[in-house]
Amino acid sequence: MANHAALAQAWGGAWGALAGSSLADRLVSLNARTSPGPLQDVTTSSVSSYLMGAGALASIEAYAASPPAGAPPQAIQAAQYLALILTDASYPTFATSDSSLFSRMAGFVTALEGDARTGVSSSIGAGLLALAQPSIPWWQANGFAAPIGAADLMAAGLL
């Protein structure tokens, strides 16, 4: 169901700075926005591939196998957990479609980001979490079937 209240808020709020712009320009700006999509499970091979491509997998494995002096316990635990899951064939997926497990994964990512020696920067961490919650168009996240158009603005009382 289309969320016309969210459309009205967006049209006058964050995109209100575009007031004075043409209707077409405002629609282009609004329809280009994204929001977090629904949670989904992620295969361990996807996580491994992402971390390898980002240049962090070897660092995480080394950190887990031989934690450096003074390493935060949370980062050690997160690295060891991740290294175990990624190498154990009995864990084919991360069940991150479950919000409590996604929250736990986000906590591990935060712990890894907390020590640069893990090789996980904030951008790598964000990319890792995006595997489980990819961005979708703003209009889709707010229940619209297609990009916002004039008919939607009229239905929301904005034209």
N, C-alpha and C. Protein backbone atom coordinates (compact mmCIF):
# COMPACT_ATOMS: atom_id res chain seq x y z
N MET A 1 0.85 -1.17 0.00
CA MET A 1 0.00 0.00 0.00
C MET A 1 0.90 1.24 0.00
N ALA A 2 0.64 2.13 -0.92
CA ALA A 2 1.43 3.35 -1.05
C ALA A 2 1.29 4.22 0.20
N ASN A 3 2.42 4.68 0.70
CA ASN A 3 2.46 5.51 1.90
C ASN A 3 2.48 6.98 1.48
N HIS A 4 1.29 7.54 1.31
CA HIS A 4 1.19 8.94 0.86
C HIS A 4 1.66 9.91 1.93
N ALA A 5 1.55 9.53 3.20
CA ALA A 5 2.06 10.40 4.27
C ALA A 5 3.58 10.53 4.17
N ALA A 6 4.27 9.42 3.87
CA ALA A 6 5.72 9.48 3.71
C ALA A 6 6.08 10.32 2.49
N LEU A 7 5.29 10.20 1.44
CA LEU A 7 5.53 11.01 0.25
C LEU A 7 5.37 12.49 0.56
N ALA A 8 4.32 12.84 1.29
CA ALA A 8 4.09 14.25 1.64
C ALA A 8 5.23 14.77 2.52
N GLN A 9 5.68 13.95 3.45
CA GLN A 9 6.79 14.36 4.32
C GLN A 9 8.07 14.53 3.51
N ALA A 10 8.35 13.59 2.62
CA ALA A 10 9.57 13.68 1.81
C ALA A 10 9.51 14.87 0.86
N TRP A 11 8.36 15.10 0.28
CA TRP A 11 8.21 16.17 -0.70
C TRP A 11 8.44 17.53 -0.07
N GLY A 12 7.97 17.71 1.15
CA GLY A 12 8.13 19.00 1.82
C GLY A 12 9.31 19.05 2.76
N GLY A 13 9.88 17.90 3.10
CA GLY A 13 10.97 17.84 4.07
C GLY A 13 12.33 17.86 3.42
N ALA A 14 12.93 16.70 3.37
CA ALA A 14 14.31 16.59 2.88
C ALA A 14 14.46 17.14 1.47
N TRP A 15 13.42 17.00 0.65
CA TRP A 15 13.51 17.48 -0.72
C TRP A 15 12.91 18.87 -0.87
N GLY A 16 12.46 19.45 0.25
CA GLY A 16 11.95 20.81 0.22
C GLY A 16 13.00 21.81 -0.23
N ALA A 17 14.26 21.45 -0.03
CA ALA A 17 15.37 22.32 -0.46
C ALA A 17 15.35 22.49 -1.97
N LEU A 18 14.66 21.59 -2.64
CA LEU A 18 14.56 21.70 -4.10
C LEU A 18 13.38 22.56 -4.53
N ALA A 19 12.70 23.17 -3.55
CA ALA A 19 11.59 24.06 -3.90
C ALA A 19 12.09 25.10 -4.87
N GLY A 20 11.29 25.39 -5.85
CA GLY A 20 11.72 26.32 -6.89
C GLY A 20 12.29 25.58 -8.08
N SER A 21 12.67 24.33 -7.88
CA SER A 21 13.12 23.50 -9.00
C SER A 21 11.88 23.05 -9.76
N SER A 22 12.08 22.60 -10.96
CA SER A 22 10.93 22.13 -11.73
C SER A 22 10.37 20.86 -11.09
N LEU A 23 9.12 20.59 -11.40
CA LEU A 23 8.48 19.38 -10.92
C LEU A 23 9.28 18.15 -11.37
N ALA A 24 9.72 18.15 -12.61
CA ALA A 24 10.49 17.02 -13.14
C ALA A 24 11.79 16.83 -12.37
N ASP A 25 12.49 17.93 -12.05
CA ASP A 25 13.74 17.83 -11.30
C ASP A 25 13.50 17.27 -9.90
N ARG A 26 12.43 17.72 -9.27
CA ARG A 26 12.12 17.22 -7.92
C ARG A 26 11.78 15.73 -7.97
N LEU A 27 11.04 15.32 -8.99
CA LEU A 27 10.70 13.90 -9.11
C LEU A 27 11.95 13.06 -9.38
N VAL A 28 12.84 13.54 -10.21
CA VAL A 28 14.08 12.82 -10.48
C VAL A 28 14.87 12.64 -9.19
N SER A 29 14.96 13.72 -8.41
CA SER A 29 15.70 13.65 -7.15
C SER A 29 15.06 12.67 -6.17
N LEU A 30 13.76 12.75 -6.03
CA LEU A 30 13.04 11.85 -5.12
C LEU A 30 13.19 10.40 -5.56
N ASN A 31 13.00 10.14 -6.83
CA ASN A 31 13.05 8.76 -7.32
C ASN A 31 14.46 8.18 -7.34
N ALA A 32 15.47 9.02 -7.20
CA ALA A 32 16.85 8.54 -7.14
C ALA A 32 17.25 8.12 -5.74
N ARG A 33 16.46 8.47 -4.75
CA ARG A 33 16.78 8.13 -3.35
C ARG A 33 16.61 6.65 -3.10
N THR A 34 17.37 6.14 -2.13
CA THR A 34 17.26 4.73 -1.75
C THR A 34 17.01 4.61 -0.25
N SER A 35 16.54 3.45 0.13
CA SER A 35 16.29 3.11 1.53
C SER A 35 16.76 1.67 1.75
N PRO A 36 17.02 1.32 3.01
CA PRO A 36 17.38 -0.08 3.26
C PRO A 36 16.22 -1.00 2.89
N GLY A 37 16.53 -2.07 2.20
CA GLY A 37 15.52 -3.03 1.80
C GLY A 37 15.28 -4.08 2.89
N PRO A 38 14.46 -5.06 2.58
CA PRO A 38 14.19 -6.12 3.56
C PRO A 38 15.43 -6.97 3.79
N LEU A 39 15.53 -7.51 4.97
CA LEU A 39 16.64 -8.40 5.30
C LEU A 39 16.54 -9.68 4.50
N GLN A 40 17.69 -10.23 4.14
CA GLN A 40 17.74 -11.49 3.42
C GLN A 40 18.92 -12.31 3.91
N ASP A 41 18.81 -13.62 3.74
CA ASP A 41 19.92 -14.50 4.08
C ASP A 41 21.05 -14.28 3.08
N VAL A 42 22.28 -14.53 3.53
CA VAL A 42 23.45 -14.33 2.69
C VAL A 42 24.29 -15.61 2.75
N THR A 43 24.73 -16.07 1.60
CA THR A 43 25.57 -17.27 1.58
C THR A 43 26.95 -16.93 2.12
N THR A 44 27.57 -17.91 2.73
CA THR A 44 28.93 -17.69 3.23
C THR A 44 29.89 -17.45 2.08
N SER A 45 29.60 -18.04 0.92
CA SER A 45 30.48 -17.79 -0.23
C SER A 45 30.38 -16.34 -0.69
N SER A 46 29.22 -15.73 -0.57
CA SER A 46 29.08 -14.30 -0.92
C SER A 46 29.89 -13.43 0.03
N VAL A 47 29.84 -13.77 1.31
CA VAL A 47 30.60 -13.02 2.31
C VAL A 47 32.09 -13.18 2.06
N SER A 48 32.52 -14.42 1.82
CA SER A 48 33.94 -14.67 1.53
C SER A 48 34.39 -13.89 0.30
N SER A 49 33.60 -13.96 -0.76
CA SER A 49 33.95 -13.26 -2.00
C SER A 49 34.04 -11.76 -1.78
N TYR A 50 33.07 -11.21 -1.05
CA TYR A 50 33.08 -9.78 -0.78
C TYR A 50 34.33 -9.38 0.00
N LEU A 51 34.60 -10.11 1.09
CA LEU A 51 35.76 -9.79 1.92
C LEU A 51 37.07 -9.97 1.17
N MET A 52 37.13 -10.99 0.32
CA MET A 52 38.34 -11.20 -0.47
C MET A 52 38.53 -10.04 -1.45
N GLY A 53 37.46 -9.66 -2.11
CA GLY A 53 37.53 -8.56 -3.06
C GLY A 53 37.87 -7.24 -2.40
N ALA A 54 37.45 -7.08 -1.16
CA ALA A 54 37.74 -5.85 -0.41
C ALA A 54 39.13 -5.88 0.22
N GLY A 55 39.80 -7.03 0.12
CA GLY A 55 41.14 -7.15 0.69
C GLY A 55 41.17 -7.34 2.19
N ALA A 56 40.05 -7.82 2.77
CA ALA A 56 39.98 -7.96 4.22
C ALA A 56 39.99 -9.41 4.71
N LEU A 57 39.73 -10.35 3.85
CA LEU A 57 39.60 -11.74 4.30
C LEU A 57 40.88 -12.26 4.94
N ALA A 58 42.01 -12.06 4.30
CA ALA A 58 43.28 -12.56 4.86
C ALA A 58 43.59 -11.89 6.20
N SER A 59 43.29 -10.62 6.32
CA SER A 59 43.54 -9.92 7.58
C SER A 59 42.68 -10.47 8.71
N ILE A 60 41.41 -10.74 8.40
CA ILE A 60 40.50 -11.30 9.42
C ILE A 60 40.99 -12.68 9.84
N GLU A 61 41.37 -13.50 8.88
CA GLU A 61 41.85 -14.86 9.20
C GLU A 61 43.11 -14.82 10.04
N ALA A 62 44.04 -13.94 9.69
CA ALA A 62 45.28 -13.82 10.47
C ALA A 62 44.99 -13.29 11.87
N TYR A 63 44.12 -12.32 11.96
CA TYR A 63 43.74 -11.74 13.25
C TYR A 63 43.09 -12.80 14.14
N ALA A 64 42.22 -13.62 13.54
CA ALA A 64 41.53 -14.67 14.30
C ALA A 64 42.52 -15.75 14.76
N ALA A 65 43.45 -16.12 13.90
CA ALA A 65 44.40 -17.19 14.23
C ALA A 65 45.43 -16.77 15.26
N SER A 66 45.83 -15.51 15.23
CA SER A 66 46.86 -15.02 16.14
C SER A 66 46.55 -13.57 16.51
N PRO A 67 45.64 -13.38 17.47
CA PRO A 67 45.25 -12.01 17.82
C PRO A 67 46.44 -11.18 18.29
N PRO A 68 46.54 -9.95 17.79
CA PRO A 68 47.65 -9.10 18.20
C PRO A 68 47.54 -8.68 19.66
N ALA A 69 48.67 -8.34 20.24
CA ALA A 69 48.68 -7.88 21.63
C ALA A 69 47.76 -6.67 21.77
N GLY A 70 47.00 -6.68 22.84
CA GLY A 70 46.11 -5.55 23.13
C GLY A 70 44.85 -5.50 22.29
N ALA A 71 44.59 -6.56 21.53
CA ALA A 71 43.39 -6.59 20.70
C ALA A 71 42.14 -6.61 21.58
N PRO A 72 41.12 -5.85 21.21
CA PRO A 72 39.88 -5.86 21.99
C PRO A 72 39.23 -7.25 21.95
N PRO A 73 38.78 -7.76 23.10
CA PRO A 73 38.17 -9.09 23.13
C PRO A 73 37.00 -9.25 22.15
N GLN A 74 36.21 -8.17 21.99
CA GLN A 74 35.06 -8.27 21.08
C GLN A 74 35.53 -8.46 19.63
N ALA A 75 36.60 -7.79 19.25
CA ALA A 75 37.13 -7.93 17.89
C ALA A 75 37.70 -9.32 17.68
N ILE A 76 38.38 -9.85 18.68
CA ILE A 76 38.93 -11.21 18.59
C ILE A 76 37.79 -12.20 18.40
N GLN A 77 36.77 -12.09 19.25
CA GLN A 77 35.63 -13.01 19.17
C GLN A 77 34.95 -12.91 17.80
N ALA A 78 34.74 -11.70 17.32
CA ALA A 78 34.07 -11.51 16.03
C ALA A 78 34.91 -12.11 14.90
N ALA A 79 36.20 -11.87 14.91
CA ALA A 79 37.07 -12.41 13.86
C ALA A 79 37.09 -13.94 13.91
N GLN A 80 37.19 -14.51 15.10
CA GLN A 80 37.23 -15.96 15.22
C GLN A 80 35.91 -16.58 14.79
N TYR A 81 34.81 -15.95 15.16
CA TYR A 81 33.49 -16.44 14.76
C TYR A 81 33.36 -16.41 13.23
N LEU A 82 33.70 -15.28 12.65
CA LEU A 82 33.58 -15.13 11.21
C LEU A 82 34.49 -16.12 10.48
N ALA A 83 35.73 -16.25 10.92
CA ALA A 83 36.66 -17.18 10.29
C ALA A 83 36.15 -18.62 10.37
N LEU A 84 35.57 -18.98 11.50
CA LEU A 84 35.02 -20.33 11.67
C LEU A 84 33.86 -20.57 10.71
N ILE A 85 32.92 -19.64 10.68
CA ILE A 85 31.73 -19.79 9.83
C ILE A 85 32.13 -19.89 8.35
N LEU A 86 33.09 -19.04 7.95
CA LEU A 86 33.47 -19.02 6.54
C LEU A 86 34.23 -20.25 6.08
N THR A 87 34.79 -21.00 7.01
CA THR A 87 35.56 -22.19 6.63
C THR A 87 34.84 -23.50 6.94
N ASP A 88 33.69 -23.43 7.61
CA ASP A 88 32.95 -24.64 7.99
C ASP A 88 31.81 -24.86 7.00
N ALA A 89 31.89 -25.92 6.23
CA ALA A 89 30.90 -26.20 5.19
C ALA A 89 29.50 -26.44 5.75
N SER A 90 29.38 -26.71 7.04
CA SER A 90 28.05 -26.95 7.61
C SER A 90 27.28 -25.64 7.83
N TYR A 91 27.91 -24.51 7.52
CA TYR A 91 27.24 -23.20 7.61
C TYR A 91 27.17 -22.60 6.21
N PRO A 92 26.20 -23.02 5.39
CA PRO A 92 26.15 -22.49 4.03
C PRO A 92 25.63 -21.06 3.92
N THR A 93 24.86 -20.65 4.92
CA THR A 93 24.32 -19.28 4.88
C THR A 93 24.33 -18.63 6.25
N PHE A 94 24.34 -17.31 6.22
CA PHE A 94 24.08 -16.51 7.41
C PHE A 94 22.58 -16.23 7.38
N ALA A 95 21.87 -16.60 8.43
CA ALA A 95 20.41 -16.44 8.48
C ALA A 95 20.05 -15.00 8.85
N THR A 96 20.57 -14.07 8.09
CA THR A 96 20.40 -12.65 8.41
C THR A 96 19.03 -12.11 8.05
N SER A 97 18.14 -12.94 7.49
CA SER A 97 16.77 -12.48 7.29
C SER A 97 16.06 -12.39 8.64
N ASP A 98 16.59 -13.05 9.64
CA ASP A 98 16.09 -12.95 11.02
C ASP A 98 16.70 -11.69 11.63
N SER A 99 15.87 -10.75 12.02
CA SER A 99 16.36 -9.45 12.50
C SER A 99 17.28 -9.57 13.72
N SER A 100 17.04 -10.55 14.59
CA SER A 100 17.92 -10.69 15.75
C SER A 100 19.31 -11.17 15.32
N LEU A 101 19.37 -12.05 14.32
CA LEU A 101 20.66 -12.51 13.82
C LEU A 101 21.35 -11.42 13.01
N PHE A 102 20.58 -10.62 12.28
CA PHE A 102 21.17 -9.48 11.57
C PHE A 102 21.78 -8.50 12.58
N SER A 103 21.08 -8.25 13.68
CA SER A 103 21.61 -7.36 14.72
C SER A 103 22.89 -7.91 15.32
N ARG A 104 22.93 -9.22 15.51
CA ARG A 104 24.14 -9.85 16.04
C ARG A 104 25.30 -9.69 15.05
N MET A 105 24.99 -9.88 13.75
CA MET A 105 26.02 -9.70 12.72
C MET A 105 26.50 -8.26 12.70
N ALA A 106 25.59 -7.32 12.84
CA ALA A 106 25.97 -5.90 12.87
C ALA A 106 26.89 -5.62 14.05
N GLY A 107 26.64 -6.27 15.18
CA GLY A 107 27.52 -6.12 16.34
C GLY A 107 28.91 -6.66 16.08
N PHE A 108 28.99 -7.80 15.38
CA PHE A 108 30.30 -8.35 15.01
C PHE A 108 31.03 -7.41 14.07
N VAL A 109 30.31 -6.86 13.11
CA VAL A 109 30.92 -5.93 12.16
C VAL A 109 31.46 -4.71 12.91
N THR A 110 30.68 -4.18 13.84
CA THR A 110 31.12 -3.03 14.64
C THR A 110 32.39 -3.37 15.42
N ALA A 111 32.42 -4.57 15.99
CA ALA A 111 33.61 -4.99 16.74
C ALA A 111 34.83 -5.08 15.82
N LEU A 112 34.65 -5.62 14.62
CA LEU A 112 35.76 -5.71 13.67
C LEU A 112 36.24 -4.33 13.24
N GLU A 113 35.30 -3.43 13.01
CA GLU A 113 35.66 -2.06 12.63
C GLU A 113 36.41 -1.34 13.74
N GLY A 114 36.22 -1.80 14.98
CA GLY A 114 36.83 -1.17 16.14
C GLY A 114 38.33 -1.36 16.26
N ASP A 115 38.89 -2.26 15.47
CA ASP A 115 40.33 -2.47 15.48
C ASP A 115 40.80 -2.56 14.03
N ALA A 116 41.49 -1.54 13.58
CA ALA A 116 41.93 -1.45 12.18
C ALA A 116 42.76 -2.65 11.76
N ARG A 117 43.38 -3.33 12.72
CA ARG A 117 44.22 -4.49 12.38
C ARG A 117 43.42 -5.66 11.82
N THR A 118 42.07 -5.64 11.98
CA THR A 118 41.24 -6.69 11.39
C THR A 118 41.13 -6.53 9.88
N GLY A 119 41.41 -5.33 9.39
CA GLY A 119 41.28 -5.05 7.96
C GLY A 119 39.88 -4.63 7.56
N VAL A 120 38.99 -4.47 8.55
CA VAL A 120 37.61 -4.10 8.25
C VAL A 120 37.39 -2.63 8.58
N SER A 121 37.33 -1.82 7.53
CA SER A 121 37.05 -0.39 7.69
C SER A 121 35.53 -0.20 7.76
N SER A 122 35.10 1.01 8.04
CA SER A 122 33.66 1.27 8.10
C SER A 122 33.00 1.05 6.74
N SER A 123 33.72 1.36 5.66
CA SER A 123 33.11 1.14 4.34
C SER A 123 33.01 -0.35 4.02
N ILE A 124 33.99 -1.12 4.43
CA ILE A 124 33.91 -2.58 4.24
C ILE A 124 32.79 -3.15 5.10
N GLY A 125 32.69 -2.68 6.33
CA GLY A 125 31.62 -3.13 7.21
C GLY A 125 30.24 -2.81 6.64
N ALA A 126 30.08 -1.60 6.11
CA ALA A 126 28.80 -1.21 5.52
C ALA A 126 28.47 -2.09 4.32
N GLY A 127 29.47 -2.39 3.52
CA GLY A 127 29.26 -3.26 2.37
C GLY A 127 28.89 -4.67 2.78
N LEU A 128 29.51 -5.14 3.85
CA LEU A 128 29.20 -6.47 4.36
C LEU A 128 27.74 -6.54 4.82
N LEU A 129 27.30 -5.54 5.56
CA LEU A 129 25.91 -5.53 6.02
C LEU A 129 24.93 -5.33 4.86
N ALA A 130 25.37 -4.61 3.83
CA ALA A 130 24.50 -4.39 2.67
C ALA A 130 24.22 -5.69 1.91
N LEU A 131 25.08 -6.68 2.08
CA LEU A 131 24.79 -7.98 1.48
C LEU A 131 23.48 -8.55 2.03
N ALA A 132 23.23 -8.29 3.31
CA ALA A 132 22.04 -8.81 3.98
C ALA A 132 20.86 -7.84 3.90
N GLN A 133 21.14 -6.57 3.64
CA GLN A 133 20.07 -5.59 3.55
C GLN A 133 20.40 -4.59 2.43
N PRO A 134 20.22 -5.05 1.19
CA PRO A 134 20.55 -4.18 0.08
C PRO A 134 19.61 -2.99 -0.01
N SER A 135 20.10 -1.94 -0.61
CA SER A 135 19.27 -0.75 -0.80
C SER A 135 18.24 -0.99 -1.89
N ILE A 136 17.09 -0.39 -1.71
CA ILE A 136 16.04 -0.44 -2.72
C ILE A 136 15.57 0.99 -2.96
N PRO A 137 14.90 1.24 -4.07
CA PRO A 137 14.41 2.61 -4.31
C PRO A 137 13.49 3.08 -3.19
N TRP A 138 13.58 4.38 -2.87
CA TRP A 138 12.76 4.96 -1.81
C TRP A 138 11.29 4.70 -2.06
N TRP A 139 10.86 4.85 -3.30
CA TRP A 139 9.45 4.66 -3.62
C TRP A 139 9.00 3.23 -3.33
N GLN A 140 9.85 2.26 -3.60
CA GLN A 140 9.51 0.87 -3.34
C GLN A 140 9.43 0.61 -1.84
N ALA A 141 10.37 1.17 -1.09
CA ALA A 141 10.37 0.99 0.37
C ALA A 141 9.13 1.58 1.01
N ASN A 142 8.51 2.52 0.33
CA ASN A 142 7.32 3.17 0.88
C ASN A 142 6.03 2.71 0.22
N GLY A 143 6.07 1.55 -0.41
CA GLY A 143 4.87 0.89 -0.89
C GLY A 143 4.36 1.29 -2.25
N PHE A 144 5.10 2.08 -2.99
CA PHE A 144 4.68 2.46 -4.33
C PHE A 144 5.13 1.39 -5.32
N ALA A 145 4.31 1.14 -6.33
CA ALA A 145 4.60 0.09 -7.30
C ALA A 145 5.59 0.53 -8.37
N ALA A 146 5.78 1.82 -8.50
CA ALA A 146 6.66 2.36 -9.55
C ALA A 146 7.20 3.70 -9.06
N PRO A 147 8.18 4.25 -9.77
CA PRO A 147 8.69 5.57 -9.37
C PRO A 147 7.54 6.59 -9.22
N ILE A 148 7.74 7.52 -8.31
CA ILE A 148 6.72 8.53 -8.02
C ILE A 148 6.47 9.39 -9.26
N GLY A 149 5.21 9.62 -9.55
CA GLY A 149 4.81 10.47 -10.66
C GLY A 149 3.76 11.47 -10.21
N ALA A 150 3.26 12.23 -11.13
CA ALA A 150 2.28 13.27 -10.83
C ALA A 150 1.02 12.68 -10.18
N ALA A 151 0.58 11.51 -10.62
CA ALA A 151 -0.62 10.89 -10.04
C ALA A 151 -0.42 10.62 -8.55
N ASP A 152 0.77 10.19 -8.18
CA ASP A 152 1.05 9.93 -6.76
C ASP A 152 1.02 11.23 -5.97
N LEU A 153 1.59 12.29 -6.55
CA LEU A 153 1.57 13.59 -5.88
C LEU A 153 0.15 14.09 -5.70
N MET A 154 -0.70 13.87 -6.69
CA MET A 154 -2.11 14.27 -6.57
C MET A 154 -2.81 13.44 -5.49
N ALA A 155 -2.55 12.14 -5.46
CA ALA A 155 -3.19 11.27 -4.46
C ALA A 155 -2.76 11.66 -3.04
N ALA A 156 -1.55 12.21 -2.90
CA ALA A 156 -1.06 12.64 -1.59
C ALA A 156 -1.47 14.08 -1.27
N GLY A 157 -2.21 14.70 -2.19
CA GLY A 157 -2.66 16.07 -1.97
C GLY A 157 -1.57 17.11 -2.16
N LEU A 158 -0.56 16.80 -2.94
CA LEU A 158 0.57 17.70 -3.11
C LEU A 158 0.49 18.51 -4.40
N LEU A 159 -0.43 18.18 -5.28
CA LEU A 159 -0.65 18.95 -6.52
C LEU A 159 -2.10 19.31 -6.62
